[in-house]
Amino acid sequence: MGALTKRRETLIRSLTGRHGRRGSEYCLCDGPRASGEILKLRPDLVEQVILREDFPRELDFPVEPDILPEAEFNRVCNTVHSQGILLLVRRPQNISETDPVQAPFVFLLDRIADPGNFGTMVRTARAVGLKEIWLTEGTVDPFSDKSIRSASGAQFALRIRNHGPLEHTLELLKAQGYARVYRTAPAGGANVFLEQALFDRSVIVLGNEGGGVGAIADSADLNIPMPGDAESLNVAQAATVILFEYVRRYFPC
C-alpha cells in the first residue's frame, strides 16, 4: 500500500483552489467516469494515480497506482463522497495563436463563469463532432477539478483554445478567414433555424450567464425562437440547441 510524500500531498491539495492552479502545469481529476475518459484519451498526461483501498481494479493505468487507506485518501481528495480514484494530470500544452483552426465554424465561449455550464457545453461540442472550442479571458478554468468533473473529462478530447480578450480573439479568427460573427441574444436577430450561413466559417459567441456577450462590432445577433413567455434560456441549453441544429443540417438520419 502506497503513501504520498508531504510535497506531493501539498501539491494535490493546492490544485483544488484557483490560486494553487495558477501557473501550475498540473490539474486534478476525480471519479471513475472522468478518470476513465482521461485514461483512454490522454494516458500520456497522467502523472499519478491515487486509489482508495476499496476501489475496484478495473482500469488500465499508465503508472503504478498509489493505494491509500480511506482516511488518508479522504484527506487528500477534496470531493465530498469521493468514489475512490484521483488522478494528477499534466495540463495539455498551450496552442499557438497562429495554429490553424480545425473546425467548420468556431464555437466561442465569452466569460462563461459556471463550471457546470462549461462542462455541459464541452460535452455537447464533443458529441456533435467538434475538434476544438475557444474561450475568452475570464472564462472558468477549463481544467479545474469542477470543470473536469462536470465535463466528464471531455475537454481532453478537444483542443481548448484561449488567446485572451474577446476583441483580440476575434481578430485572430478573422485573420484565418472566420470573419462572420454571430452574437447570441435572447430576442431579435437571425433565427438559428433559418440562418443559412450560420455554420459556414463563422464564429458563434455565447456569453456570460449574467451579462451575456460583450459588444462586438459588425456582428449579427442570433436568437432561438421562444414561443413561451420565458425571458431567456440557460446558456448551456442554448448551446445545445445551436449545436444540434448543426447536426440536423449536416448529419441527417
Protein backbone atom coordinates (compact mmCIF):
# COMPACT_ATOMS: atom_id res chain seq x y z
CA MET A 1 0.00 0.00 0.00
CA GLY A 2 1.50 3.33 -1.14
CA ALA A 3 1.93 6.59 0.69
CA LEU A 4 2.18 10.16 -0.57
CA THR A 5 5.10 12.40 0.18
CA LYS A 6 4.27 15.61 2.02
CA ARG A 7 5.38 17.59 -1.01
CA ARG A 8 3.08 15.70 -3.37
CA GLU A 9 0.15 15.90 -0.92
CA THR A 10 0.65 19.67 -0.64
CA LEU A 11 0.66 19.98 -4.42
CA ILE A 12 -2.55 17.99 -4.80
CA ARG A 13 -4.36 19.93 -2.12
CA SER A 14 -3.26 23.24 -3.65
CA LEU A 15 -4.74 22.34 -7.03
CA THR A 16 -8.28 22.45 -5.64
CA GLY A 17 -8.04 26.25 -5.40
CA ARG A 18 -7.73 28.91 -8.11
CA HIS A 19 -4.57 30.36 -6.57
CA GLY A 20 -2.88 26.96 -6.43
CA ARG A 21 -3.76 26.15 -10.04
CA ARG A 22 -2.49 29.48 -11.38
CA GLY A 23 0.74 28.81 -13.21
CA SER A 24 0.76 25.11 -12.37
CA GLU A 25 1.39 22.54 -15.07
CA TYR A 26 -0.94 20.10 -13.30
CA CYS A 27 -4.65 19.59 -12.74
CA LEU A 28 -6.78 17.07 -10.83
CA CYS A 29 -9.42 14.61 -11.91
CA ASP A 30 -11.53 12.57 -9.51
CA GLY A 31 -14.19 9.95 -10.03
CA PRO A 32 -14.23 6.89 -12.28
CA ARG A 33 -16.14 8.42 -15.20
CA ALA A 34 -13.89 11.42 -15.86
CA SER A 35 -10.79 9.43 -14.90
CA GLY A 36 -11.73 6.68 -17.32
CA GLU A 37 -12.04 9.22 -20.15
CA ILE A 38 -8.66 10.75 -19.43
CA LEU A 39 -7.02 7.34 -19.16
CA LYS A 40 -8.48 6.45 -22.55
CA LEU A 41 -7.89 9.78 -24.31
CA ARG A 42 -4.62 11.06 -22.85
CA PRO A 43 -2.80 8.45 -20.75
CA ASP A 44 0.43 10.27 -21.65
CA LEU A 45 -0.65 13.17 -19.42
CA VAL A 46 -1.32 11.09 -16.31
CA GLU A 47 1.39 11.77 -13.72
CA GLN A 48 -0.03 9.89 -10.73
CA VAL A 49 -2.95 7.61 -9.92
CA ILE A 50 -4.25 7.56 -6.34
CA LEU A 51 -6.78 4.93 -5.30
CA ARG A 52 -8.73 4.36 -2.13
CA GLU A 53 -8.01 0.86 -0.86
CA ASP A 54 -11.53 -0.36 -1.72
CA PHE A 55 -11.55 0.94 -5.32
CA PRO A 56 -12.03 -1.94 -7.82
CA ARG A 57 -9.02 -2.64 -10.06
CA GLU A 58 -10.89 -2.47 -13.37
CA LEU A 59 -8.98 0.24 -15.25
CA ASP A 60 -5.63 0.11 -17.01
CA PHE A 61 -3.18 2.63 -15.58
CA PRO A 62 -0.09 4.05 -17.32
CA VAL A 63 1.69 4.31 -13.96
CA GLU A 64 1.65 2.18 -10.83
CA PRO A 65 -1.18 3.48 -8.61
CA ASP A 66 -0.72 4.61 -5.03
CA ILE A 67 -3.28 2.84 -2.84
CA LEU A 68 -4.30 4.70 0.30
CA PRO A 69 -6.40 3.85 3.35
CA GLU A 70 -9.78 5.57 3.35
CA ALA A 71 -8.87 8.21 5.95
CA GLU A 72 -5.70 9.21 4.11
CA PHE A 73 -7.43 9.24 0.73
CA ASN A 74 -10.23 11.45 2.06
CA ARG A 75 -7.68 13.88 3.47
CA VAL A 76 -6.12 14.32 0.04
CA CYS A 77 -9.30 14.29 -2.06
CA ASN A 78 -11.37 17.48 -1.96
CA THR A 79 -14.59 15.89 -3.21
CA VAL A 80 -17.37 15.10 -0.77
CA HIS A 81 -18.40 11.44 -1.15
CA SER A 82 -15.49 10.66 -3.47
CA GLN A 83 -15.74 7.46 -5.50
CA GLY A 84 -12.20 6.41 -4.70
CA ILE A 85 -9.98 7.47 -7.59
CA LEU A 86 -7.93 10.63 -8.07
CA LEU A 87 -5.59 11.48 -10.95
CA LEU A 88 -2.83 14.04 -11.04
CA VAL A 89 -2.67 15.09 -14.69
CA ARG A 90 -0.45 17.42 -16.69
CA ARG A 91 -2.39 20.12 -18.50
CA PRO A 92 -2.36 19.88 -22.30
CA GLN A 93 0.16 22.19 -23.95
CA ASN A 94 -0.99 25.66 -24.97
CA ILE A 95 -1.91 26.10 -28.62
CA SER A 96 -0.22 28.84 -30.64
CA GLU A 97 -2.32 31.80 -31.76
CA THR A 98 -1.36 31.10 -35.37
CA ASP A 99 -2.16 27.38 -35.25
CA PRO A 100 -4.78 26.66 -37.96
CA VAL A 101 -8.40 26.41 -36.89
CA GLN A 102 -9.71 22.83 -37.05
CA ALA A 103 -13.45 23.47 -37.28
CA PRO A 104 -16.11 24.22 -39.91
CA PHE A 105 -17.26 27.01 -37.57
CA VAL A 106 -15.88 28.34 -34.31
CA PHE A 107 -17.73 27.86 -31.04
CA LEU A 108 -16.56 30.64 -28.73
CA LEU A 109 -17.42 30.98 -25.02
CA ASP A 110 -17.13 34.53 -23.68
CA ARG A 111 -16.55 34.74 -19.91
CA ILE A 112 -18.64 31.67 -19.02
CA ALA A 113 -18.45 31.58 -15.23
CA ASP A 114 -20.12 28.38 -14.08
CA PRO A 115 -18.17 25.10 -14.31
CA GLY A 116 -21.44 23.20 -14.71
CA ASN A 117 -22.47 25.22 -17.76
CA PHE A 118 -18.97 24.98 -19.16
CA GLY A 119 -18.88 21.21 -18.72
CA THR A 120 -22.24 20.74 -20.43
CA MET A 121 -21.15 22.82 -23.41
CA VAL A 122 -17.85 20.97 -23.78
CA ARG A 123 -19.60 17.60 -23.67
CA THR A 124 -22.12 18.79 -26.27
CA ALA A 125 -19.40 20.17 -28.54
CA ARG A 126 -17.67 16.82 -28.41
CA ALA A 127 -20.94 14.99 -29.06
CA VAL A 128 -21.58 16.88 -32.31
CA GLY A 129 -18.06 16.22 -33.57
CA LEU A 130 -16.23 19.50 -32.99
CA LYS A 131 -12.47 19.18 -32.60
CA GLU A 132 -11.86 22.41 -30.72
CA ILE A 133 -13.57 25.01 -28.56
CA TRP A 134 -12.49 28.61 -27.98
CA LEU A 135 -12.65 30.57 -24.73
CA THR A 136 -12.08 34.22 -23.90
CA GLU A 137 -10.19 35.62 -20.96
CA GLY A 138 -12.40 35.49 -17.88
CA THR A 139 -13.96 32.13 -18.70
CA VAL A 140 -13.85 29.48 -15.97
CA ASP A 141 -10.65 27.41 -15.80
CA PRO A 142 -11.31 24.53 -18.22
CA PHE A 143 -9.01 22.27 -16.20
CA SER A 144 -10.25 22.96 -12.69
CA ASP A 145 -11.39 19.85 -10.84
CA LYS A 146 -15.01 21.07 -11.03
CA SER A 147 -14.82 21.71 -14.78
CA ILE A 148 -13.27 18.31 -15.45
CA ARG A 149 -15.86 16.56 -13.29
CA SER A 150 -18.72 18.47 -14.96
CA ALA A 151 -17.47 17.69 -18.47
CA SER A 152 -16.64 14.08 -17.56
CA GLY A 153 -13.17 14.68 -18.96
CA ALA A 154 -14.44 15.71 -22.42
CA GLN A 155 -12.04 18.68 -22.58
CA PHE A 156 -9.22 16.18 -23.06
CA ALA A 157 -10.85 15.10 -26.33
CA LEU A 158 -10.85 18.68 -27.70
CA ARG A 159 -8.35 21.42 -28.40
CA ILE A 160 -9.14 24.09 -25.82
CA ARG A 161 -8.00 27.47 -27.13
CA ASN A 162 -7.80 30.62 -25.00
CA HIS A 163 -5.93 33.54 -26.52
CA GLY A 164 -7.13 36.44 -24.38
CA PRO A 165 -9.92 39.02 -24.53
CA LEU A 166 -12.87 38.77 -26.91
CA GLU A 167 -11.71 41.52 -29.27
CA HIS A 168 -8.24 40.01 -29.69
CA THR A 169 -9.68 36.53 -30.21
CA LEU A 170 -11.98 37.74 -32.98
CA GLU A 171 -9.05 39.45 -34.71
CA LEU A 172 -7.14 36.16 -34.69
CA LEU A 173 -10.11 34.35 -36.17
CA LYS A 174 -10.67 37.00 -38.82
CA ALA A 175 -7.07 36.54 -39.92
CA GLN A 176 -7.84 32.86 -40.52
CA GLY A 177 -10.94 33.59 -42.58
CA TYR A 178 -13.60 33.43 -39.86
CA ALA A 179 -14.95 36.95 -40.25
CA ARG A 180 -18.71 36.37 -39.90
CA VAL A 181 -19.63 36.65 -36.21
CA TYR A 182 -22.95 35.73 -34.60
CA ARG A 183 -23.61 37.09 -31.14
CA THR A 184 -26.27 35.11 -29.27
CA ALA A 185 -29.08 37.29 -27.93
CA PRO A 186 -32.35 36.48 -26.12
CA ALA A 187 -34.51 38.33 -28.68
CA GLY A 188 -34.19 39.78 -32.17
CA GLY A 189 -31.67 38.99 -34.84
CA ALA A 190 -31.27 35.96 -37.07
CA ASN A 191 -33.30 32.84 -36.39
CA VAL A 192 -30.97 29.94 -35.54
CA PHE A 193 -33.15 27.55 -37.56
CA LEU A 194 -33.31 29.74 -40.69
CA GLU A 195 -29.94 31.49 -40.95
CA GLN A 196 -28.34 29.82 -43.96
CA ALA A 197 -24.75 30.93 -43.37
CA LEU A 198 -24.73 30.09 -39.65
CA PHE A 199 -22.15 27.29 -39.84
CA ASP A 200 -20.17 28.48 -42.86
CA ARG A 201 -16.73 29.52 -41.50
CA SER A 202 -18.46 31.65 -38.90
CA VAL A 203 -17.92 32.40 -35.21
CA ILE A 204 -20.81 31.74 -32.81
CA VAL A 205 -20.32 33.52 -29.49
CA LEU A 206 -22.13 32.56 -26.29
CA GLY A 207 -21.78 34.93 -23.36
CA ASN A 208 -21.59 35.20 -19.62
CA GLU A 209 -24.58 33.88 -17.66
CA GLY A 210 -25.39 37.28 -16.17
CA GLY A 211 -24.08 39.82 -18.67
CA GLY A 212 -24.35 37.99 -21.98
CA VAL A 213 -21.89 38.50 -24.82
CA GLY A 214 -19.69 41.59 -24.84
CA ALA A 215 -20.15 44.23 -27.52
CA ILE A 216 -18.89 43.12 -30.94
CA ALA A 217 -18.62 45.49 -33.90
CA ASP A 218 -20.06 44.26 -37.21
CA SER A 219 -21.66 41.18 -35.66
CA ALA A 220 -25.13 39.75 -36.23
CA ASP A 221 -27.45 38.88 -33.36
CA LEU A 222 -28.62 35.27 -33.24
CA ASN A 223 -31.66 34.07 -31.36
CA ILE A 224 -33.55 30.87 -30.57
CA PRO A 225 -37.30 31.35 -31.05
CA MET A 226 -39.19 31.01 -27.76
CA PRO A 227 -42.98 30.97 -28.24
CA GLY A 228 -43.45 30.85 -24.47
CA ASP A 229 -43.06 33.72 -22.03
CA ALA A 230 -39.53 32.87 -20.76
CA GLU A 231 -37.04 35.74 -20.83
CA SER A 232 -34.11 33.58 -21.93
CA LEU A 233 -32.59 30.11 -21.92
CA ASN A 234 -29.75 28.91 -19.75
CA VAL A 235 -26.55 29.37 -21.78
CA ALA A 236 -25.77 25.65 -21.80
CA GLN A 237 -29.28 24.89 -23.04
CA ALA A 238 -28.89 27.50 -25.77
CA ALA A 239 -25.57 25.96 -26.80
CA THR A 240 -27.17 22.54 -27.08
CA VAL A 241 -29.94 23.85 -29.36
CA ILE A 242 -27.45 25.63 -31.63
CA LEU A 243 -25.02 22.73 -31.85
CA PHE A 244 -27.68 20.17 -32.64
CA GLU A 245 -29.09 22.44 -35.33
CA TYR A 246 -25.69 21.91 -36.94
CA VAL A 247 -26.20 18.14 -36.62
CA ARG A 248 -29.71 18.38 -38.08
CA ARG A 249 -28.44 20.21 -41.15
CA TYR A 250 -25.29 18.28 -41.94
CA PHE A 251 -25.77 14.82 -40.44
CA PRO A 252 -29.36 13.86 -41.30
CA CYS A 253 -30.62 10.50 -40.10
